[in-house]
């Protein structure tokens, strides 16, 4: 009887996948419109109607560091019509918030969408020209150098904290609400060192308003090939990037999850989508849900260590 029940359930879920979707698909973005997270969702929503045969809508559900939107997606009807676009902070939320309204296992990964490496640099007036010079200067002026990133406990902030721990110095993180405010502070010479993504650095470097030092990717970035990696400077653990991934509720039938994975990978092969991503300095990823899980596990370990080094406690 159990085998028969299992076969019937499989047949039903397979039939659901074949008829999916039966109504508009929405992608919840847990942050405000205009940012990279929002753009990634909109890029996919432009293409999903062609392959899925239903409209696609982006819904910005902001607040509580992204938890409101994530919770809404986790508790949505498990029919696959509600998706979630998230950045790396999906793994750090349980580490920095004492109360999280959802369980991580309530969500299922579809696939990674895109990524861009984190970069470090400074205002041109700062008396340092290279990454190795920065490390030497920070050690000589231990505890006196300030840096800013894209908000407290952001991937960029945590990259800075782990850099200090690895290189053996201390510096002070000056918090701002987001990347835009932090960039404004650096351009205004309120804070010298900036840690963000290549997307924020490239336009400013070209205009002479920022100086780049290094990227924290596993290899040099195609978007900033002249800048060394932290690995080249002897810091193999300093591999940080900003990625975005597509998720849905874990109770969504597996065949529907597989259909969504296939459609996402198909969309990422589109030349026009790849061109749009490149214009924002992002590289397409795609792949399997397992690859997404591996990325989250690696970041859980990496950012967990950085949070410990920074002395960040759940609040």
C-alpha atoms as a PDB file:
ATOM      1  CA  UNK A   1       0.000   0.000   0.000  1.00  0.00           C
ATOM      2  CA  UNK A   2       2.816   2.411   0.840  1.00  0.00           C
ATOM      3  CA  UNK A   3       4.452   1.762  -2.524  1.00  0.00           C
ATOM      4  CA  UNK A   4       1.130   2.327  -4.290  1.00  0.00           C
ATOM      5  CA  UNK A   5       0.535   5.544  -2.359  1.00  0.00           C
ATOM      6  CA  UNK A   6       4.021   6.720  -3.264  1.00  0.00           C
ATOM      7  CA  UNK A   7       3.477   5.981  -6.936  1.00  0.00           C
ATOM      8  CA  UNK A   8       0.163   7.827  -6.899  1.00  0.00           C
ATOM      9  CA  UNK A   9       1.770  10.855  -5.219  1.00  0.00           C
ATOM     10  CA  UNK A  10       4.557  10.836  -7.804  1.00  0.00           C
ATOM     11  CA  UNK A  11       2.041  10.639 -10.633  1.00  0.00           C
ATOM     12  CA  UNK A  12       0.081  13.567  -9.218  1.00  0.00           C
ATOM     13  CA  UNK A  13       3.165  15.758  -8.718  1.00  0.00           C
ATOM     14  CA  UNK A  14       4.451  14.897 -12.210  1.00  0.00           C
ATOM     15  CA  UNK A  15       1.103  15.877 -13.702  1.00  0.00           C
ATOM     16  CA  UNK A  16       1.225  19.126 -11.735  1.00  0.00           C
ATOM     17  CA  UNK A  17       4.667  19.888 -13.158  1.00  0.00           C
ATOM     18  CA  UNK A  18       3.461  19.255 -16.707  1.00  0.00           C
ATOM     19  CA  UNK A  19       0.552  21.681 -16.296  1.00  0.00           C
ATOM     20  CA  UNK A  20       2.591  24.226 -14.285  1.00  0.00           C
ATOM     21  CA  UNK A  21       2.110  27.165 -14.133  1.00  0.00           C
ATOM     22  CA  UNK A  22      -1.639  27.676 -14.038  1.00  0.00           C
ATOM     23  CA  UNK A  23      -1.523  31.325 -12.966  1.00  0.00           C
ATOM     24  CA  UNK A  24       0.944  34.255 -12.863  1.00  0.00           C
ATOM     25  CA  UNK A  25       4.298  33.575 -11.226  1.00  0.00           C
ATOM     26  CA  UNK A  26       5.627  36.067  -8.701  1.00  0.00           C
ATOM     27  CA  UNK A  27       9.190  36.553  -7.571  1.00  0.00           C
ATOM     28  CA  UNK A  28       9.452  38.051  -4.100  1.00  0.00           C
ATOM     29  CA  UNK A  29      12.388  40.397  -3.605  1.00  0.00           C
ATOM     30  CA  UNK A  30      13.039  41.028   0.108  1.00  0.00           C
ATOM     31  CA  UNK A  31      14.631  44.411  -0.586  1.00  0.00           C
ATOM     32  CA  UNK A  32      13.636  47.739  -2.134  1.00  0.00           C
ATOM     33  CA  UNK A  33      13.335  48.320  -5.898  1.00  0.00           C
ATOM     34  CA  UNK A  34      16.389  49.478  -7.807  1.00  0.00           C
ATOM     35  CA  UNK A  35      19.092  47.328  -6.244  1.00  0.00           C
ATOM     36  CA  UNK A  36      20.896  44.384  -7.812  1.00  0.00           C
ATOM     37  CA  UNK A  37      18.610  41.869  -6.068  1.00  0.00           C
ATOM     38  CA  UNK A  38      15.610  43.588  -7.647  1.00  0.00           C
ATOM     39  CA  UNK A  39      17.264  43.759 -11.067  1.00  0.00           C
ATOM     40  CA  UNK A  40      18.021  40.030 -11.104  1.00  0.00           C
ATOM     41  CA  UNK A  41      14.372  39.235 -10.407  1.00  0.00           C
ATOM     42  CA  UNK A  42      13.164  41.608 -13.113  1.00  0.00           C
ATOM     43  CA  UNK A  43      15.574  40.175 -15.671  1.00  0.00           C
ATOM     44  CA  UNK A  44      14.085  36.721 -15.081  1.00  0.00           C
ATOM     45  CA  UNK A  45      10.530  38.024 -15.060  1.00  0.00           C
ATOM     46  CA  UNK A  46      11.114  39.467 -18.520  1.00  0.00           C
ATOM     47  CA  UNK A  47      11.900  35.973 -19.832  1.00  0.00           C
ATOM     48  CA  UNK A  48       9.758  33.550 -17.838  1.00  0.00           C
ATOM     49  CA  UNK A  49       6.469  34.406 -19.624  1.00  0.00           C
ATOM     50  CA  UNK A  50       7.957  33.225 -22.927  1.00  0.00           C
ATOM     51  CA  UNK A  51       8.806  29.775 -21.589  1.00  0.00           C
ATOM     52  CA  UNK A  52       6.207  29.341 -18.858  1.00  0.00           C
ATOM     53  CA  UNK A  53       3.259  30.837 -20.708  1.00  0.00           C
ATOM     54  CA  UNK A  54       2.113  32.935 -17.747  1.00  0.00           C
ATOM     55  CA  UNK A  55       2.841  36.505 -16.620  1.00  0.00           C
ATOM     56  CA  UNK A  56       5.640  37.046 -14.115  1.00  0.00           C
ATOM     57  CA  UNK A  57       5.480  39.724 -11.428  1.00  0.00           C
ATOM     58  CA  UNK A  58       8.106  41.094  -9.053  1.00  0.00           C
ATOM     59  CA  UNK A  59       6.906  41.846  -5.539  1.00  0.00           C
ATOM     60  CA  UNK A  60       9.159  43.849  -3.225  1.00  0.00           C
ATOM     61  CA  UNK A  61       8.488  42.804   0.382  1.00  0.00           C
ATOM     62  CA  UNK A  62      10.990  44.789   2.425  1.00  0.00           C
ATOM     63  CA  UNK A  63      11.880  45.037   6.083  1.00  0.00           C
ATOM     64  CA  UNK A  64      13.691  43.319   8.955  1.00  0.00           C
ATOM     65  CA  UNK A  65      16.883  42.791   6.989  1.00  0.00           C
ATOM     66  CA  UNK A  66      15.057  40.791   4.334  1.00  0.00           C
ATOM     67  CA  UNK A  67      13.205  38.494   6.728  1.00  0.00           C
ATOM     68  CA  UNK A  68       9.714  39.791   5.887  1.00  0.00           C
ATOM     69  CA  UNK A  69      10.015  38.890   2.224  1.00  0.00           C
ATOM     70  CA  UNK A  70      11.776  35.598   2.902  1.00  0.00           C
ATOM     71  CA  UNK A  71       9.102  34.613   5.425  1.00  0.00           C
ATOM     72  CA  UNK A  72       6.341  35.445   2.930  1.00  0.00           C
ATOM     73  CA  UNK A  73       7.925  33.156   0.341  1.00  0.00           C
ATOM     74  CA  UNK A  74       8.499  30.358   2.849  1.00  0.00           C
ATOM     75  CA  UNK A  75       4.843  30.410   3.909  1.00  0.00           C
ATOM     76  CA  UNK A  76       3.279  30.878   0.477  1.00  0.00           C
ATOM     77  CA  UNK A  77       1.037  28.265  -1.114  1.00  0.00           C
ATOM     78  CA  UNK A  78       3.402  25.412  -2.057  1.00  0.00           C
ATOM     79  CA  UNK A  79       2.421  25.289  -5.705  1.00  0.00           C
ATOM     80  CA  UNK A  80       5.572  26.804  -7.232  1.00  0.00           C
ATOM     81  CA  UNK A  81       3.948  30.072  -8.260  1.00  0.00           C
ATOM     82  CA  UNK A  82       5.812  32.018  -5.555  1.00  0.00           C
ATOM     83  CA  UNK A  83       9.575  32.302  -5.925  1.00  0.00           C
ATOM     84  CA  UNK A  84      12.217  34.182  -3.960  1.00  0.00           C
ATOM     85  CA  UNK A  85      15.326  36.015  -5.141  1.00  0.00           C
ATOM     86  CA  UNK A  86      17.944  36.209  -2.404  1.00  0.00           C
ATOM     87  CA  UNK A  87      21.574  37.296  -1.936  1.00  0.00           C
ATOM     88  CA  UNK A  88      24.215  35.737   0.330  1.00  0.00           C
ATOM     89  CA  UNK A  89      22.592  37.145   3.441  1.00  0.00           C
ATOM     90  CA  UNK A  90      20.126  34.253   3.359  1.00  0.00           C
ATOM     91  CA  UNK A  91      22.860  32.311   5.203  1.00  0.00           C
ATOM     92  CA  UNK A  92      23.858  35.036   7.682  1.00  0.00           C
ATOM     93  CA  UNK A  93      20.363  36.002   8.865  1.00  0.00           C
ATOM     94  CA  UNK A  94      20.175  33.164  11.440  1.00  0.00           C
ATOM     95  CA  UNK A  95      23.619  34.196  12.712  1.00  0.00           C
ATOM     96  CA  UNK A  96      22.845  37.872  13.313  1.00  0.00           C
ATOM     97  CA  UNK A  97      19.173  37.826  14.341  1.00  0.00           C
ATOM     98  CA  UNK A  98      17.991  36.196  17.552  1.00  0.00           C
ATOM     99  CA  UNK A  99      14.457  35.677  16.225  1.00  0.00           C
ATOM    100  CA  UNK A 100      13.876  34.457  12.684  1.00  0.00           C
ATOM    101  CA  UNK A 101      10.211  33.914  11.668  1.00  0.00           C
ATOM    102  CA  UNK A 102      10.923  31.002   9.334  1.00  0.00           C
ATOM    103  CA  UNK A 103      13.051  27.863   9.365  1.00  0.00           C
ATOM    104  CA  UNK A 104      15.857  27.519   6.791  1.00  0.00           C
ATOM    105  CA  UNK A 105      14.434  24.135   5.805  1.00  0.00           C
ATOM    106  CA  UNK A 106      11.188  25.880   4.758  1.00  0.00           C
ATOM    107  CA  UNK A 107      12.983  26.970   1.574  1.00  0.00           C
ATOM    108  CA  UNK A 108      14.297  24.967  -1.363  1.00  0.00           C
ATOM    109  CA  UNK A 109      17.059  26.147  -3.717  1.00  0.00           C
ATOM    110  CA  UNK A 110      16.270  26.263  -7.431  1.00  0.00           C
ATOM    111  CA  UNK A 111      19.648  27.480  -8.698  1.00  0.00           C
ATOM    112  CA  UNK A 112      22.203  30.238  -8.364  1.00  0.00           C
ATOM    113  CA  UNK A 113      21.530  33.091 -10.771  1.00  0.00           C
ATOM    114  CA  UNK A 114      24.604  35.331 -10.860  1.00  0.00           C
ATOM    115  CA  UNK A 115      27.613  36.565  -8.927  1.00  0.00           C
ATOM    116  CA  UNK A 116      30.190  39.329  -8.821  1.00  0.00           C
ATOM    117  CA  UNK A 117      33.375  39.446  -6.729  1.00  0.00           C
ATOM    118  CA  UNK A 118      33.803  41.702  -3.751  1.00  0.00           C
ATOM    119  CA  UNK A 119      36.482  44.343  -4.224  1.00  0.00           C
ATOM    120  CA  UNK A 120      38.504  46.538  -1.895  1.00  0.00           C
ATOM    121  CA  UNK A 121      39.845  50.003  -2.610  1.00  0.00           C
ATOM    122  CA  UNK A 122      39.927  53.542  -1.286  1.00  0.00           C
ATOM    123  CA  UNK A 123      39.610  57.218  -2.033  1.00  0.00           C
ATOM    124  CA  UNK A 124      42.619  58.430  -4.106  1.00  0.00           C
ATOM    125  CA  UNK A 125      43.682  60.730  -1.272  1.00  0.00           C
ATOM    126  CA  UNK A 126      44.386  57.727   0.975  1.00  0.00           C
ATOM    127  CA  UNK A 127      48.203  57.216   1.110  1.00  0.00           C
ATOM    128  CA  UNK A 128      48.127  53.634  -0.176  1.00  0.00           C
ATOM    129  CA  UNK A 129      48.321  52.458  -3.788  1.00  0.00           C
ATOM    130  CA  UNK A 130      48.268  48.648  -3.652  1.00  0.00           C
ATOM    131  CA  UNK A 131      46.718  45.818  -1.650  1.00  0.00           C
ATOM    132  CA  UNK A 132      50.023  44.840  -0.036  1.00  0.00           C
ATOM    133  CA  UNK A 133      50.646  48.478   0.883  1.00  0.00           C
ATOM    134  CA  UNK A 134      47.183  48.601   2.469  1.00  0.00           C
ATOM    135  CA  UNK A 135      47.939  45.614   4.681  1.00  0.00           C
ATOM    136  CA  UNK A 136      51.293  47.072   5.733  1.00  0.00           C
ATOM    137  CA  UNK A 137      49.720  50.463   6.439  1.00  0.00           C
ATOM    138  CA  UNK A 138      46.891  48.919   8.473  1.00  0.00           C
ATOM    139  CA  UNK A 139      49.410  47.000  10.577  1.00  0.00           C
ATOM    140  CA  UNK A 140      51.545  50.086  11.155  1.00  0.00           C
ATOM    141  CA  UNK A 141      48.437  52.061  12.112  1.00  0.00           C
ATOM    142  CA  UNK A 142      46.736  49.231  13.964  1.00  0.00           C
ATOM    143  CA  UNK A 143      43.241  50.199  15.108  1.00  0.00           C
ATOM    144  CA  UNK A 144      43.350  53.612  13.417  1.00  0.00           C
ATOM    145  CA  UNK A 145      42.243  52.843   9.858  1.00  0.00           C
ATOM    146  CA  UNK A 146      38.537  53.041   9.050  1.00  0.00           C
ATOM    147  CA  UNK A 147      36.592  51.218   6.365  1.00  0.00           C
ATOM    148  CA  UNK A 148      32.985  51.080   5.277  1.00  0.00           C
ATOM    149  CA  UNK A 149      30.946  48.581   3.318  1.00  0.00           C
ATOM    150  CA  UNK A 150      27.307  47.878   2.477  1.00  0.00           C
ATOM    151  CA  UNK A 151      25.798  47.830   5.940  1.00  0.00           C
ATOM    152  CA  UNK A 152      26.453  45.938   9.186  1.00  0.00           C
ATOM    153  CA  UNK A 153      26.877  42.175   8.730  1.00  0.00           C
ATOM    154  CA  UNK A 154      26.741  42.506   4.946  1.00  0.00           C
ATOM    155  CA  UNK A 155      28.982  40.214   2.899  1.00  0.00           C
ATOM    156  CA  UNK A 156      31.234  43.196   2.219  1.00  0.00           C
ATOM    157  CA  UNK A 157      31.505  44.136   5.901  1.00  0.00           C
ATOM    158  CA  UNK A 158      32.292  40.556   6.899  1.00  0.00           C
ATOM    159  CA  UNK A 159      34.927  40.298   4.171  1.00  0.00           C
ATOM    160  CA  UNK A 160      36.652  43.285   5.768  1.00  0.00           C
ATOM    161  CA  UNK A 161      36.525  41.737   9.216  1.00  0.00           C
ATOM    162  CA  UNK A 162      38.008  38.448   8.033  1.00  0.00           C
ATOM    163  CA  UNK A 163      40.707  40.296   6.090  1.00  0.00           C
ATOM    164  CA  UNK A 164      41.820  42.008   9.296  1.00  0.00           C
ATOM    165  CA  UNK A 165      41.818  38.723  11.200  1.00  0.00           C
ATOM    166  CA  UNK A 166      43.802  36.931   8.485  1.00  0.00           C
ATOM    167  CA  UNK A 167      46.352  39.730   8.044  1.00  0.00           C
ATOM    168  CA  UNK A 168      46.774  40.403  11.756  1.00  0.00           C
ATOM    169  CA  UNK A 169      45.502  43.933  12.296  1.00  0.00           C
ATOM    170  CA  UNK A 170      42.455  45.729  13.615  1.00  0.00           C
ATOM    171  CA  UNK A 171      40.466  48.469  11.962  1.00  0.00           C
ATOM    172  CA  UNK A 172      37.103  50.138  12.480  1.00  0.00           C
ATOM    173  CA  UNK A 173      33.998  49.518  10.425  1.00  0.00           C
ATOM    174  CA  UNK A 174      31.908  52.673   9.943  1.00  0.00           C
ATOM    175  CA  UNK A 175      28.334  51.487   9.337  1.00  0.00           C
ATOM    176  CA  UNK A 176      25.960  52.936   6.749  1.00  0.00           C
ATOM    177  CA  UNK A 177      22.545  51.685   5.663  1.00  0.00           C
ATOM    178  CA  UNK A 178      23.701  50.391   2.314  1.00  0.00           C
ATOM    179  CA  UNK A 179      26.245  50.465  -0.486  1.00  0.00           C
ATOM    180  CA  UNK A 180      25.034  53.793  -1.858  1.00  0.00           C
ATOM    181  CA  UNK A 181      25.393  55.647   1.434  1.00  0.00           C
ATOM    182  CA  UNK A 182      28.785  54.049   2.068  1.00  0.00           C
ATOM    183  CA  UNK A 183      30.022  55.008  -1.397  1.00  0.00           C
ATOM    184  CA  UNK A 184      28.862  58.588  -0.864  1.00  0.00           C
ATOM    185  CA  UNK A 185      30.813  58.713   2.406  1.00  0.00           C
ATOM    186  CA  UNK A 186      34.004  57.480   0.728  1.00  0.00           C
ATOM    187  CA  UNK A 187      33.665  59.864  -2.211  1.00  0.00           C
ATOM    188  CA  UNK A 188      33.156  62.653   0.329  1.00  0.00           C
ATOM    189  CA  UNK A 189      36.361  61.580   2.159  1.00  0.00           C
ATOM    190  CA  UNK A 190      34.485  60.818   5.370  1.00  0.00           C
ATOM    191  CA  UNK A 191      35.844  57.240   5.361  1.00  0.00           C
ATOM    192  CA  UNK A 192      38.955  56.216   3.378  1.00  0.00           C
ATOM    193  CA  UNK A 193      38.588  52.499   2.593  1.00  0.00           C
ATOM    194  CA  UNK A 194      35.630  50.978   0.763  1.00  0.00           C
ATOM    195  CA  UNK A 195      34.653  47.322   0.380  1.00  0.00           C
ATOM    196  CA  UNK A 196      31.904  46.605  -2.113  1.00  0.00           C
ATOM    197  CA  UNK A 197      31.464  44.877  -5.456  1.00  0.00           C
ATOM    198  CA  UNK A 198      33.138  45.416  -8.802  1.00  0.00           C
ATOM    199  CA  UNK A 199      29.840  46.941  -9.925  1.00  0.00           C
ATOM    200  CA  UNK A 200      30.302  49.837  -7.491  1.00  0.00           C
ATOM    201  CA  UNK A 201      34.024  50.255  -8.126  1.00  0.00           C
ATOM    202  CA  UNK A 202      34.383  50.145 -11.898  1.00  0.00           C
ATOM    203  CA  UNK A 203      32.569  53.385 -12.826  1.00  0.00           C
ATOM    204  CA  UNK A 204      34.295  55.273 -10.005  1.00  0.00           C
ATOM    205  CA  UNK A 205      37.738  53.916 -10.912  1.00  0.00           C
ATOM    206  CA  UNK A 206      37.278  54.950 -14.537  1.00  0.00           C
ATOM    207  CA  UNK A 207      36.374  58.479 -13.454  1.00  0.00           C
ATOM    208  CA  UNK A 208      39.324  58.667 -11.047  1.00  0.00           C
ATOM    209  CA  UNK A 209      37.126  58.937  -7.959  1.00  0.00           C
ATOM    210  CA  UNK A 210      38.222  55.627  -6.423  1.00  0.00           C
ATOM    211  CA  UNK A 211      41.374  53.538  -6.451  1.00  0.00           C
ATOM    212  CA  UNK A 212      41.058  49.753  -6.609  1.00  0.00           C
ATOM    213  CA  UNK A 213      43.360  47.401  -4.690  1.00  0.00           C
ATOM    214  CA  UNK A 214      42.207  43.813  -5.107  1.00  0.00           C
ATOM    215  CA  UNK A 215      39.275  41.510  -5.748  1.00  0.00           C
ATOM    216  CA  UNK A 216      38.320  38.782  -3.306  1.00  0.00           C
ATOM    217  CA  UNK A 217      37.364  36.186  -5.880  1.00  0.00           C
ATOM    218  CA  UNK A 218      38.868  32.770  -6.466  1.00  0.00           C
ATOM    219  CA  UNK A 219      40.328  34.123  -9.724  1.00  0.00           C
ATOM    220  CA  UNK A 220      40.785  37.550 -11.256  1.00  0.00           C
ATOM    221  CA  UNK A 221      37.544  39.102 -12.412  1.00  0.00           C
ATOM    222  CA  UNK A 222      36.807  39.445 -16.115  1.00  0.00           C
ATOM    223  CA  UNK A 223      35.357  42.837 -15.194  1.00  0.00           C
ATOM    224  CA  UNK A 224      38.509  43.985 -13.351  1.00  0.00           C
ATOM    225  CA  UNK A 225      41.370  41.884 -14.773  1.00  0.00           C
ATOM    226  CA  UNK A 226      44.109  44.319 -13.743  1.00  0.00           C
ATOM    227  CA  UNK A 227      43.470  43.785 -10.038  1.00  0.00           C
ATOM    228  CA  UNK A 228      45.045  40.863  -8.154  1.00  0.00           C
ATOM    229  CA  UNK A 229      43.130  38.521  -5.917  1.00  0.00           C
ATOM    230  CA  UNK A 230      43.709  38.316  -2.186  1.00  0.00           C
ATOM    231  CA  UNK A 231      44.819  34.750  -2.877  1.00  0.00           C
ATOM    232  CA  UNK A 232      47.733  36.096  -4.937  1.00  0.00           C
ATOM    233  CA  UNK A 233      48.786  38.120  -1.895  1.00  0.00           C
ATOM    234  CA  UNK A 234      48.895  34.963   0.211  1.00  0.00           C
ATOM    235  CA  UNK A 235      45.395  34.860   1.714  1.00  0.00           C
ATOM    236  CA  UNK A 236      43.663  31.750   0.298  1.00  0.00           C
ATOM    237  CA  UNK A 237      40.675  32.006   2.643  1.00  0.00           C
ATOM    238  CA  UNK A 238      39.708  35.488   1.460  1.00  0.00           C
ATOM    239  CA  UNK A 239      37.269  34.443  -1.254  1.00  0.00           C
ATOM    240  CA  UNK A 240      34.118  36.526  -1.097  1.00  0.00           C
ATOM    241  CA  UNK A 241      31.548  37.276  -3.743  1.00  0.00           C
ATOM    242  CA  UNK A 242      28.013  38.580  -3.872  1.00  0.00           C
ATOM    243  CA  UNK A 243      25.667  36.046  -5.400  1.00  0.00           C
ATOM    244  CA  UNK A 244      21.960  35.851  -6.027  1.00  0.00           C
ATOM    245  CA  UNK A 245      19.894  32.690  -6.076  1.00  0.00           C
ATOM    246  CA  UNK A 246      16.325  31.678  -6.821  1.00  0.00           C
ATOM    247  CA  UNK A 247      14.391  29.703  -4.200  1.00  0.00           C
ATOM    248  CA  UNK A 248      10.882  28.475  -3.525  1.00  0.00           C
ATOM    249  CA  UNK A 249       9.062  26.763  -0.678  1.00  0.00           C
ATOM    250  CA  UNK A 250      10.420  23.349   0.272  1.00  0.00           C
ATOM    251  CA  UNK A 251       6.912  21.834   0.126  1.00  0.00           C
ATOM    252  CA  UNK A 252       6.641  22.618  -3.592  1.00  0.00           C
ATOM    253  CA  UNK A 253       6.532  19.289  -5.483  1.00  0.00           C
ATOM    254  CA  UNK A 254       9.985  18.207  -6.638  1.00  0.00           C
ATOM    255  CA  UNK A 255       8.963  17.925 -10.319  1.00  0.00           C
ATOM    256  CA  UNK A 256       7.876  21.580 -10.242  1.00  0.00           C
ATOM    257  CA  UNK A 257      11.171  22.553  -8.622  1.00  0.00           C
ATOM    258  CA  UNK A 258      12.955  20.662 -11.407  1.00  0.00           C
ATOM    259  CA  UNK A 259      10.886  22.475 -14.045  1.00  0.00           C
ATOM    260  CA  UNK A 260      11.818  25.826 -12.513  1.00  0.00           C
ATOM    261  CA  UNK A 261      15.479  24.838 -12.471  1.00  0.00           C
ATOM    262  CA  UNK A 262      15.331  23.906 -16.149  1.00  0.00           C
ATOM    263  CA  UNK A 263      13.619  27.172 -17.099  1.00  0.00           C
ATOM    264  CA  UNK A 264      16.108  29.229 -15.088  1.00  0.00           C
ATOM    265  CA  UNK A 265      19.081  27.526 -16.712  1.00  0.00           C
ATOM    266  CA  UNK A 266      17.510  28.049 -20.119  1.00  0.00           C
ATOM    267  CA  UNK A 267      17.016  31.759 -19.390  1.00  0.00           C
ATOM    268  CA  UNK A 268      20.644  32.124 -18.301  1.00  0.00           C
ATOM    269  CA  UNK A 269      21.787  30.864 -21.706  1.00  0.00           C
ATOM    270  CA  UNK A 270      19.989  33.744 -23.407  1.00  0.00           C
ATOM    271  CA  UNK A 271      22.548  36.090 -25.054  1.00  0.00           C
ATOM    272  CA  UNK A 272      20.522  39.187 -24.211  1.00  0.00           C
ATOM    273  CA  UNK A 273      20.237  38.209 -20.534  1.00  0.00           C
ATOM    274  CA  UNK A 274      23.952  37.463 -20.361  1.00  0.00           C
ATOM    275  CA  UNK A 275      24.630  40.869 -21.901  1.00  0.00           C
ATOM    276  CA  UNK A 276      22.394  42.569 -19.332  1.00  0.00           C
ATOM    277  CA  UNK A 277      24.199  40.787 -16.515  1.00  0.00           C
ATOM    278  CA  UNK A 278      27.575  41.806 -17.937  1.00  0.00           C
ATOM    279  CA  UNK A 279      26.443  45.426 -18.091  1.00  0.00           C
ATOM    280  CA  UNK A 280      25.876  45.213 -14.321  1.00  0.00           C
ATOM    281  CA  UNK A 281      29.251  43.405 -13.870  1.00  0.00           C
ATOM    282  CA  UNK A 282      27.613  40.087 -12.962  1.00  0.00           C
ATOM    283  CA  UNK A 283      28.420  36.648 -14.341  1.00  0.00           C
ATOM    284  CA  UNK A 284      25.641  34.065 -14.900  1.00  0.00           C
ATOM    285  CA  UNK A 285      25.871  30.857 -12.880  1.00  0.00           C
ATOM    286  CA  UNK A 286      22.918  28.463 -13.096  1.00  0.00           C
ATOM    287  CA  UNK A 287      23.495  24.778 -12.475  1.00  0.00           C
ATOM    288  CA  UNK A 288      21.846  22.400 -10.043  1.00  0.00           C
ATOM    289  CA  UNK A 289      20.161  22.953  -6.668  1.00  0.00           C
ATOM    290  CA  UNK A 290      23.065  20.984  -5.184  1.00  0.00           C
ATOM    291  CA  UNK A 291      25.520  23.588  -6.441  1.00  0.00           C
ATOM    292  CA  UNK A 292      23.423  26.246  -4.691  1.00  0.00           C
ATOM    293  CA  UNK A 293      23.486  24.210  -1.474  1.00  0.00           C
ATOM    294  CA  UNK A 294      27.275  23.901  -1.686  1.00  0.00           C
ATOM    295  CA  UNK A 295      27.590  27.683  -2.052  1.00  0.00           C
ATOM    296  CA  UNK A 296      25.395  28.238   1.006  1.00  0.00           C
ATOM    297  CA  UNK A 297      27.384  25.745   3.070  1.00  0.00           C
ATOM    298  CA  UNK A 298      30.675  27.370   2.101  1.00  0.00           C
ATOM    299  CA  UNK A 299      29.321  30.819   2.947  1.00  0.00           C
ATOM    300  CA  UNK A 300      27.886  29.598   6.244  1.00  0.00           C
ATOM    301  CA  UNK A 301      31.373  28.508   7.283  1.00  0.00           C
ATOM    302  CA  UNK A 302      33.122  31.572   5.829  1.00  0.00           C
ATOM    303  CA  UNK A 303      30.731  34.194   7.179  1.00  0.00           C
ATOM    304  CA  UNK A 304      30.273  32.359  10.446  1.00  0.00           C
ATOM    305  CA  UNK A 305      33.982  32.737  11.082  1.00  0.00           C
ATOM    306  CA  UNK A 306      33.891  36.413  10.080  1.00  0.00           C
ATOM    307  CA  UNK A 307      30.941  37.088  12.397  1.00  0.00           C
ATOM    308  CA  UNK A 308      32.836  35.457  15.253  1.00  0.00           C
ATOM    309  CA  UNK A 309      35.957  37.502  14.496  1.00  0.00           C
ATOM    310  CA  UNK A 310      33.873  40.696  14.407  1.00  0.00           C
ATOM    311  CA  UNK A 311      32.202  39.868  17.711  1.00  0.00           C
ATOM    312  CA  UNK A 312      28.732  40.229  16.205  1.00  0.00           C
ATOM    313  CA  UNK A 313      26.041  38.824  18.506  1.00  0.00           C
ATOM    314  CA  UNK A 314      22.477  37.900  17.489  1.00  0.00           C
ATOM    315  CA  UNK A 315      20.035  40.682  18.305  1.00  0.00           C
END
